[in-house]
Structures are given as C-alpha cells and as structure tokens.
C-alpha cells in the first residue's frame, strides 16, 4: 500500500511527510554548505602555512620628525619593546634602524631614529617592524665574501665572514619568510671569538633556487641545502661546525643534525625561538586567529597527507612526525643551547621546555621574558651574547687564542 492511504494508516498526513522531506533536503544542503565552507577555509590555511609570502606591513608610521630624528609608530606588541630594531618601509627609504623608546601612550610609540632621514624624505605610512637591525653585510664593517653553495636544486647564495684560523665555523640559518640578513646580528659575537660565520640561503626563500612546487616543507627538505653548506665548510677547512637557527631555521638545523652524513663534524646547535614541533606552533597560531578547531584539524590533515598535497599545492606531505623533535629526542647526539622567550607571541616555548625535560643531558635553555619572536638579541643583547659565549666556552668551542671575554 502506497501514497496517501499508507500515510493515513501510519497517522502521518501527506503534508507532514512532504514537510519532513523538504526539511531534510534543506538540512542536507545546509550541512553540505557548512562542510564546503570548512573545506575552503582549511585549504586556505594550509596553503598559507607552506606558501612563501611577501613581507606584511604590521604597523603604521604616525609621524616622522627629521629635525629631532625621531619616528612615531602605531603601538603594537612589538613596536613598544625596548632595544634596537629595524623597520621595513617604502618610498625614499626602504629600511630604517630604530633606537630606544622615547615616549609612549595607549596608541603610539616614539622612538629614536638610528638611520639618518633627511627633510626631503618621503616614506609610506605602512611599515613592517623587524628584529634584523642589520640588513646588509656591509653594516658590520667586517671582511666578508659572497659565495655560491651548490645544493641539490642549484647554487644557493651565502655570505662568508672569515675569522680565526678557520677551524671552527658557525652556519647560520634564517627563519620562515626571512633571508640570511636575519642572521647578521650574530656575526660580531662569533667573529670576536675567532669563529668563521657562513650565512646561508635555502630553497624558496627568495634568494636560493625555487623547488618545483615553490613551497616550504617546514624543514623536511630545506635541511639538504644547509647540508650542502656543511660540505662547503669542510672543503674550506672547517673541522668543527656549529649550527645556529632562528625559528624555522631551528627546525632546519635540527633536521640536519638528525639526518646529515656530516654529523661527525657538527659540534653543537644554538637555536633562537626555534620550532621544535610544528603541530604545537600551528595549533597556537590557529587559536590566535580564532579558527574553528575543525578548520585547524582539516588543514593539518591536508598538510600531513599525500592526498592533501594536491590541494595545498605543496610538493608532498609534511611529515609532522619527523619534524617533532621532542618525540625523536632519543636520536639527538649533539649539545644544544636554546634561547626562547616565554612571551614569544608566535612560536610558543612549550616544545623548547619539553625538549629540555626529554634530554637534560644535551639540551640547555635560557628562558627570556618580554622579548618577542626572534628578537632576543634586540631586547637584551648583553644577556643574549653572554649566554651563547658561555655555552661555547663550556663546550670547548672557542678557538685557542680567542678571548673568552670578547
């Protein structure tokens, strides 16, 4: 029995049955729409993680006093920090060095200009606050040469600052969205200790060759380009090599220490604001962006799977389990110094603390406060310098004849 008679016997009117069907259709369409929106959002988030992007303006210039050589910036968590910093701009000046905070209120921060700006200068109001401070190797007034390091993808530009007898080298690795100029801050310390510095580039950073996909692998492939730099250093006479990495550069240095055929010459690692476990970082970033947990989970799932590589336009899956160095702590063989701020604001220090707990025999951590991501040198140069110098001394990595008080 079908149709109205069956509906009547069941106690349901034809109108009710039709209404239920319409409601189910609407709910199904709504659910499909929600899933579609989640899929679109998660895809955008996943692509953003692995896609190199141009520098983003994160503050505004409110006033420029060329007579007093001061600059007033919009107040942000970074622009209010004490210390010396840089500011990426556009117009007649593209980079300014900033000194101490002179005045501040709820909306603005006035700082001393350490780059002279003439009265005829015209600078865009949109700017990007930076911890680099030095943006050109010439700023250091130290002898250097430009080198090309043959990597699996082609020649990677590098800066070489020779020092001492060339026995001990530091290979400095910049972070995500940065270039080797980020590492210039460390060169004077190592040079004063007689340690040669090699500042390297790696695939897709805007200076080194581009991979086929043109995306980051978050350290899973980039380490091979830095490994080529280790080989370069060995051919130039290096017998002991220190790896130093900022942010994602720390992740790259750790992957190199775990995987390189040159492990025997690696004497130790110095990591500032490092990524130890990407899943912790991405979870933290998702919460800052107030993303629904479902979007975050879908994005991580896409990034970590082969099927998702097509959607994210990455060259392959991101092996999060391989990049989780806390989980792989038993594999570590080299002494490590971590410099990390509990107020980092971008890469939480949780995994750094966890790595100390997992390998207290190898890992030492200097915990900063107030300082923001990769800006520890800027915030407290004296402590930053002393922490690295003292650790190098304890590891026997300061060449004979170099002053430990440099």
Protein backbone atom coordinates (compact mmCIF):
# COMPACT_ATOMS: atom_id res chain seq x y z
CA UNK A 1 0.00 0.00 0.00
CA UNK A 2 1.48 3.32 -1.02
CA UNK A 3 0.75 7.05 -1.25
CA UNK A 4 -1.90 8.87 0.80
CA UNK A 5 -3.61 5.71 2.06
CA UNK A 6 -0.31 4.44 3.58
CA UNK A 7 0.33 7.86 5.12
CA UNK A 8 -3.16 7.87 6.56
CA UNK A 9 -2.76 4.42 8.13
CA UNK A 10 0.54 5.46 9.69
CA UNK A 11 -1.04 8.55 11.15
CA UNK A 12 1.06 10.98 9.09
CA UNK A 13 -0.60 13.40 6.72
CA UNK A 14 0.76 13.88 3.21
CA UNK A 15 1.54 17.49 4.11
CA UNK A 16 3.64 16.42 7.09
CA UNK A 17 5.57 13.88 5.03
CA UNK A 18 6.23 16.46 2.38
CA UNK A 19 7.34 18.95 5.01
CA UNK A 20 9.76 16.46 6.54
CA UNK A 21 11.23 15.76 3.14
CA UNK A 22 11.71 19.46 2.47
CA UNK A 23 13.30 19.95 5.89
CA UNK A 24 15.69 17.06 5.32
CA UNK A 25 16.63 18.45 1.93
CA UNK A 26 17.29 21.90 3.43
CA UNK A 27 19.32 20.41 6.29
CA UNK A 28 21.35 18.33 3.86
CA UNK A 29 22.06 21.38 1.71
CA UNK A 30 22.98 23.42 4.78
CA UNK A 31 25.32 20.67 6.01
CA UNK A 32 26.93 20.42 2.60
CA UNK A 33 27.34 24.20 2.59
CA UNK A 34 28.97 24.18 6.02
CA UNK A 35 31.33 21.38 5.01
CA UNK A 36 32.15 23.29 1.84
CA UNK A 37 33.00 26.44 3.79
CA UNK A 38 35.16 24.44 6.22
CA UNK A 39 36.96 22.81 3.31
CA UNK A 40 37.65 26.18 1.65
CA UNK A 41 38.89 27.75 4.89
CA UNK A 42 41.09 24.80 5.78
CA UNK A 43 42.60 24.78 2.28
CA UNK A 44 43.43 28.48 2.54
CA UNK A 45 45.01 27.97 5.96
CA UNK A 46 47.05 25.00 4.77
CA UNK A 47 48.31 26.87 1.71
CA UNK A 48 49.25 29.85 3.84
CA UNK A 49 51.46 27.66 6.03
CA UNK A 50 53.60 26.37 3.16
CA UNK A 51 53.50 29.25 0.68
CA UNK A 52 56.30 31.85 0.82
CA UNK A 53 54.75 35.30 1.03
CA UNK A 54 55.88 38.89 0.78
CA UNK A 55 56.59 40.81 3.97
CA UNK A 56 53.36 42.03 5.56
CA UNK A 57 53.01 45.55 6.96
CA UNK A 58 52.22 45.18 10.66
CA UNK A 59 52.49 48.75 11.92
CA UNK A 60 51.93 52.31 10.73
CA UNK A 61 54.17 55.34 10.84
CA UNK A 62 52.19 58.10 12.55
CA UNK A 63 54.80 60.86 12.48
CA UNK A 64 58.37 61.50 11.33
CA UNK A 65 60.43 64.33 12.84
CA UNK A 66 63.52 64.76 10.68
CA UNK A 67 64.76 67.66 12.81
CA UNK A 68 64.81 65.62 16.01
CA UNK A 69 65.42 62.35 14.14
CA UNK A 70 62.53 60.56 15.81
CA UNK A 71 59.72 58.41 14.49
CA UNK A 72 56.30 57.75 15.98
CA UNK A 73 54.74 54.36 15.31
CA UNK A 74 51.39 52.80 15.96
CA UNK A 75 51.60 50.95 19.27
CA UNK A 76 51.86 47.17 18.87
CA UNK A 77 53.25 44.35 20.99
CA UNK A 78 56.49 44.66 19.01
CA UNK A 79 56.85 48.41 18.44
CA UNK A 80 56.78 49.12 22.18
CA UNK A 81 59.68 46.79 23.01
CA UNK A 82 62.87 48.27 24.45
CA UNK A 83 66.06 47.76 22.46
CA UNK A 84 67.26 48.26 18.87
CA UNK A 85 65.20 47.12 15.89
CA UNK A 86 64.59 47.69 12.20
CA UNK A 87 61.65 48.96 10.17
CA UNK A 88 60.93 47.95 6.58
CA UNK A 89 59.45 50.90 4.71
CA UNK A 90 58.88 52.08 1.17
CA UNK A 91 59.50 55.38 -0.55
CA UNK A 92 62.81 57.21 -0.44
CA UNK A 93 63.93 54.86 2.38
CA UNK A 94 63.35 51.11 2.42
CA UNK A 95 64.84 50.25 5.81
CA UNK A 96 65.35 52.24 9.00
CA UNK A 97 67.24 51.37 12.17
CA UNK A 98 65.34 52.19 15.34
CA UNK A 99 66.73 53.04 18.76
CA UNK A 100 65.25 53.39 22.22
CA UNK A 101 61.68 54.27 23.14
CA UNK A 102 61.45 57.98 23.97
CA UNK A 103 57.75 58.26 24.76
CA UNK A 104 54.59 56.19 24.53
CA UNK A 105 50.89 56.25 25.19
CA UNK A 106 47.95 53.92 24.62
CA UNK A 107 48.04 54.39 20.85
CA UNK A 108 51.60 55.34 19.84
CA UNK A 109 55.31 54.86 20.49
CA UNK A 110 58.00 57.45 19.75
CA UNK A 111 61.48 56.02 19.08
CA UNK A 112 64.90 57.41 18.26
CA UNK A 113 65.97 57.04 14.62
CA UNK A 114 69.42 55.49 14.19
CA UNK A 115 69.27 55.87 10.40
CA UNK A 116 69.50 59.49 9.34
CA UNK A 117 66.39 60.61 7.46
CA UNK A 118 66.61 63.87 5.52
CA UNK A 119 63.88 66.52 5.40
CA UNK A 120 63.07 65.72 1.77
CA UNK A 121 62.41 62.05 2.50
CA UNK A 122 59.02 60.60 1.61
CA UNK A 123 58.12 57.36 3.36
CA UNK A 124 54.93 55.31 3.18
CA UNK A 125 52.92 55.06 6.40
CA UNK A 126 52.67 51.28 6.12
CA UNK A 127 55.71 49.54 7.60
CA UNK A 128 56.92 46.21 8.97
CA UNK A 129 58.68 46.01 12.34
CA UNK A 130 61.80 43.84 12.29
CA UNK A 131 64.31 42.27 14.63
CA UNK A 132 67.03 42.14 11.98
CA UNK A 133 68.56 45.55 12.82
CA UNK A 134 71.39 44.98 10.30
CA UNK A 135 70.06 44.47 6.78
CA UNK A 136 73.30 44.46 4.74
CA UNK A 137 76.61 42.67 5.42
CA UNK A 138 78.46 45.97 4.89
CA UNK A 139 76.78 47.30 8.06
CA UNK A 140 79.05 45.08 10.16
CA UNK A 141 82.26 46.62 8.77
CA UNK A 142 83.90 43.20 8.78
CA UNK A 143 85.64 41.43 5.88
CA UNK A 144 83.27 39.13 4.01
CA UNK A 145 82.79 37.48 0.65
CA UNK A 146 79.74 36.44 -1.33
CA UNK A 147 79.70 32.72 -2.09
CA UNK A 148 77.58 30.26 -4.05
CA UNK A 149 76.97 26.87 -2.47
CA UNK A 150 75.99 24.02 -4.74
CA UNK A 151 72.79 22.45 -3.38
CA UNK A 152 70.58 19.68 -4.81
CA UNK A 153 68.50 22.39 -6.53
CA UNK A 154 71.33 24.63 -7.68
CA UNK A 155 73.59 27.40 -6.33
CA UNK A 156 72.48 28.99 -3.05
CA UNK A 157 73.92 32.45 -2.22
CA UNK A 158 75.78 32.83 1.07
CA UNK A 159 77.90 35.35 2.95
CA UNK A 160 81.19 34.19 4.43
CA UNK A 161 82.80 36.13 7.29
CA UNK A 162 86.23 34.56 7.94
CA UNK A 163 87.69 34.64 11.44
CA UNK A 164 90.44 32.97 13.43
CA UNK A 165 92.28 30.01 11.95
CA UNK A 166 89.19 28.64 10.19
CA UNK A 167 88.97 25.57 12.41
CA UNK A 168 85.55 26.37 13.91
CA UNK A 169 82.65 27.62 11.79
CA UNK A 170 79.08 28.58 12.55
CA UNK A 171 76.49 28.04 9.83
CA UNK A 172 73.60 30.46 10.42
CA UNK A 173 70.12 29.55 9.16
CA UNK A 174 67.34 32.12 8.88
CA UNK A 175 63.67 31.54 9.56
CA UNK A 176 60.46 31.31 7.55
CA UNK A 177 59.69 34.40 5.48
CA UNK A 178 63.15 35.87 6.14
CA UNK A 179 66.53 35.87 4.39
CA UNK A 180 70.12 35.42 5.52
CA UNK A 181 70.21 39.08 6.61
CA UNK A 182 68.27 37.95 9.69
CA UNK A 183 71.46 36.23 10.88
CA UNK A 184 73.79 39.23 10.66
CA UNK A 185 73.22 40.09 14.34
CA UNK A 186 75.17 37.02 15.40
CA UNK A 187 78.29 37.60 13.29
CA UNK A 188 80.12 40.12 15.55
CA UNK A 189 79.94 37.74 18.52
CA UNK A 190 81.34 34.77 16.61
CA UNK A 191 83.90 36.89 14.77
CA UNK A 192 85.22 38.24 18.07
CA UNK A 193 85.68 34.67 19.28
CA UNK A 194 87.64 33.63 16.20
CA UNK A 195 84.77 31.62 14.69
CA UNK A 196 84.07 31.89 10.95
CA UNK A 197 80.42 32.64 10.06
CA UNK A 198 78.61 31.32 6.98
CA UNK A 199 75.14 32.82 6.46
CA UNK A 200 73.19 30.63 4.07
CA UNK A 201 70.07 30.63 1.94
CA UNK A 202 67.82 27.69 1.15
CA UNK A 203 65.17 26.69 -1.38
CA UNK A 204 62.17 29.00 -1.85
CA UNK A 205 63.45 31.77 0.44
CA UNK A 206 63.58 34.30 -2.40
CA UNK A 207 67.36 34.11 -2.83
CA UNK A 208 68.08 30.41 -3.34
CA UNK A 209 66.64 28.30 -6.18
CA UNK A 210 62.94 27.54 -6.25
CA UNK A 211 61.72 23.97 -5.94
CA UNK A 212 59.20 22.62 -8.44
CA UNK A 213 56.29 23.32 -6.06
CA UNK A 214 57.80 26.54 -4.73
CA UNK A 215 56.55 25.83 -1.21
CA UNK A 216 58.09 25.30 2.21
CA UNK A 217 58.45 21.80 3.62
CA UNK A 218 58.97 23.34 7.10
CA UNK A 219 62.47 21.90 7.37
CA UNK A 220 61.83 18.43 5.94
CA UNK A 221 63.65 19.18 2.66
CA UNK A 222 65.35 22.54 3.30
CA UNK A 223 67.95 20.89 5.52
CA UNK A 224 69.55 19.35 2.42
CA UNK A 225 70.54 22.81 1.15
CA UNK A 226 72.14 23.64 4.50
CA UNK A 227 73.81 20.23 4.50
CA UNK A 228 75.48 21.31 1.25
CA UNK A 229 76.81 24.33 3.18
CA UNK A 230 78.32 21.97 5.75
CA UNK A 231 80.13 20.20 2.94
CA UNK A 232 81.30 23.59 1.62
CA UNK A 233 82.67 24.48 5.06
CA UNK A 234 84.52 21.19 5.35
CA UNK A 235 86.15 21.72 1.96
CA UNK A 236 87.28 25.17 3.16
CA UNK A 237 88.98 23.66 6.20
CA UNK A 238 86.30 23.63 8.90
CA UNK A 239 86.83 20.84 11.42
CA UNK A 240 84.07 21.70 13.91
CA UNK A 241 80.76 23.21 12.87
CA UNK A 242 78.11 24.91 14.97
CA UNK A 243 74.59 25.16 13.55
CA UNK A 244 72.61 28.24 14.52
CA UNK A 245 68.98 28.65 13.52
CA UNK A 246 66.23 31.18 14.10
CA UNK A 247 62.57 29.99 14.18
CA UNK A 248 62.09 27.62 11.20
CA UNK A 249 65.86 27.81 10.82
CA UNK A 250 65.99 25.99 14.14
CA UNK A 251 63.77 23.25 12.73
CA UNK A 252 66.08 23.01 9.71
CA UNK A 253 69.18 22.81 11.91
CA UNK A 254 67.63 20.03 14.00
CA UNK A 255 66.69 18.00 10.90
CA UNK A 256 70.24 18.45 9.63
CA UNK A 257 71.72 17.27 12.95
CA UNK A 258 69.46 14.20 12.87
CA UNK A 259 69.95 13.27 9.21
CA UNK A 260 73.21 14.60 7.79
CA UNK A 261 76.07 12.41 6.65
CA UNK A 262 78.28 15.17 8.11
CA UNK A 263 77.04 14.60 11.69
CA UNK A 264 80.54 13.81 12.91
CA UNK A 265 81.74 17.39 12.39
CA UNK A 266 78.71 19.05 13.96
CA UNK A 267 79.87 20.23 17.38
CA UNK A 268 76.62 21.72 18.67
CA UNK A 269 73.49 23.73 17.93
CA UNK A 270 72.39 27.20 19.03
CA UNK A 271 68.68 27.77 18.47
CA UNK A 272 66.79 31.03 18.93
CA UNK A 273 62.98 30.98 19.15
CA UNK A 274 63.08 27.57 17.43
CA UNK A 275 60.30 25.43 16.05
CA UNK A 276 60.69 22.09 17.83
CA UNK A 277 57.25 20.68 16.95
CA UNK A 278 55.21 22.28 14.15
CA UNK A 279 51.90 20.91 15.39
CA UNK A 280 52.21 22.91 18.60
CA UNK A 281 53.03 26.05 16.62
CA UNK A 282 50.17 25.64 14.17
CA UNK A 283 47.70 24.87 16.95
CA UNK A 284 48.81 28.05 18.74
CA UNK A 285 48.51 30.11 15.57
CA UNK A 286 45.03 28.73 14.91
CA UNK A 287 43.92 29.84 18.37
CA UNK A 288 45.39 33.31 17.80
CA UNK A 289 43.42 33.53 14.55
CA UNK A 290 40.31 32.19 16.34
CA UNK A 291 39.88 29.46 13.78
CA UNK A 292 37.30 26.77 14.49
CA UNK A 293 39.04 23.57 15.64
CA UNK A 294 37.54 21.73 12.66
CA UNK A 295 39.30 24.10 10.24
CA UNK A 296 42.61 23.64 12.01
CA UNK A 297 42.26 19.86 12.06
CA UNK A 298 41.32 19.71 8.38
CA UNK A 299 44.28 21.96 7.47
CA UNK A 300 46.75 19.81 9.42
CA UNK A 301 45.24 16.70 7.89
CA UNK A 302 45.67 18.10 4.39
CA UNK A 303 49.26 19.19 5.06
CA UNK A 304 50.21 15.85 6.57
CA UNK A 305 48.76 13.63 3.84
CA UNK A 306 49.70 12.73 0.29
CA UNK A 307 46.16 13.41 -0.95
CA UNK A 308 46.32 16.88 0.56
CA UNK A 309 49.49 17.81 -1.32
CA UNK A 310 47.45 18.48 -4.46
CA UNK A 311 45.02 20.69 -2.56
CA UNK A 312 47.71 22.63 -0.71
CA UNK A 313 49.90 22.80 -3.87
CA UNK A 314 52.83 21.53 -1.82
CA UNK A 315 55.43 19.23 -3.29
CA UNK A 316 54.42 16.41 -0.93
CA UNK A 317 53.11 15.71 2.53
CA UNK A 318 54.59 17.49 5.53
CA UNK A 319 55.99 14.72 7.79
CA UNK A 320 54.95 16.24 11.11
CA UNK A 321 56.06 13.13 12.98
CA UNK A 322 59.59 13.51 11.55
CA UNK A 323 59.66 17.21 12.46
CA UNK A 324 58.59 16.54 16.07
CA UNK A 325 62.00 16.58 17.74
CA UNK A 326 60.60 16.02 21.24
CA UNK A 327 59.27 12.67 20.03
CA UNK A 328 62.69 11.98 18.46
CA UNK A 329 64.70 13.26 21.42
CA UNK A 330 66.44 9.90 21.92
CA UNK A 331 68.06 10.34 18.49
CA UNK A 332 69.85 13.57 19.41
CA UNK A 333 73.63 13.34 19.73
CA UNK A 334 74.83 16.97 19.87
CA UNK A 335 74.76 19.56 22.67
CA UNK A 336 72.06 22.16 22.13
CA UNK A 337 71.56 25.67 23.51
CA UNK A 338 68.02 27.04 23.20
CA UNK A 339 67.23 30.74 23.62
CA UNK A 340 63.47 31.24 23.82
CA UNK A 341 61.08 33.76 25.32
CA UNK A 342 58.00 32.64 27.18
CA UNK A 343 56.40 35.78 25.70
CA UNK A 344 57.39 34.83 22.14
CA UNK A 345 53.95 35.53 20.71
CA UNK A 346 54.43 33.45 17.55
CA UNK A 347 56.25 30.19 18.31
CA UNK A 348 55.30 29.13 21.84
CA UNK A 349 58.16 27.98 24.05
CA UNK A 350 56.34 24.83 25.24
CA UNK A 351 58.18 22.41 22.96
CA UNK A 352 61.53 24.00 23.86
CA UNK A 353 60.82 23.36 27.54
CA UNK A 354 59.70 19.82 26.66
CA UNK A 355 62.96 19.11 24.84
CA UNK A 356 64.98 20.17 27.90
CA UNK A 357 62.94 17.74 30.02
CA UNK A 358 63.39 14.96 27.44
CA UNK A 359 67.19 15.41 27.08
CA UNK A 360 68.62 17.33 30.04
CA UNK A 361 71.98 15.70 29.31
CA UNK A 362 72.26 17.54 25.99
CA UNK A 363 69.85 20.46 25.97
CA UNK A 364 70.27 23.71 27.90
CA UNK A 365 67.73 26.53 27.74
CA UNK A 366 67.97 30.21 28.52
CA UNK A 367 64.43 31.44 29.18
CA UNK A 368 63.68 35.07 28.33
CA UNK A 369 60.60 37.10 29.13
CA UNK A 370 59.00 40.14 27.44
CA UNK A 371 61.14 39.64 24.32
CA UNK A 372 59.14 38.68 21.23
CA UNK A 373 59.77 36.13 18.48
CA UNK A 374 63.38 36.11 17.18
CA UNK A 375 64.02 39.45 18.93
CA UNK A 376 66.03 38.29 21.93
CA UNK A 377 69.25 39.95 20.73
CA UNK A 378 67.34 43.19 20.25
CA UNK A 379 65.71 43.10 23.66
CA UNK A 380 68.76 42.11 25.74
CA UNK A 381 71.91 41.97 23.64
CA UNK A 382 74.16 41.63 26.70
CA UNK A 383 72.39 38.56 28.05
CA UNK A 384 71.98 37.03 24.59
CA UNK A 385 75.70 37.42 23.91
CA UNK A 386 76.81 36.17 27.32
CA UNK A 387 74.54 33.11 27.11
CA UNK A 388 75.99 31.98 23.79
CA UNK A 389 79.59 32.85 24.66
CA UNK A 390 79.47 31.00 27.99
CA UNK A 391 77.89 27.94 26.37
CA UNK A 392 80.53 27.91 23.64
CA UNK A 393 83.22 28.13 26.30
CA UNK A 394 81.78 25.19 28.25
CA UNK A 395 81.61 23.14 25.06
CA UNK A 396 85.25 23.90 24.25
CA UNK A 397 84.26 25.62 21.01
CA UNK A 398 86.13 28.89 21.42
CA UNK A 399 89.36 28.54 19.43
CA UNK A 400 92.63 28.73 21.33
CA UNK A 401 93.93 32.26 21.48
CA UNK A 402 90.48 33.85 21.18
CA UNK A 403 89.44 35.84 24.23
CA UNK A 404 86.51 34.28 26.10
CA UNK A 405 85.66 37.80 27.22
CA UNK A 406 85.12 39.05 23.65
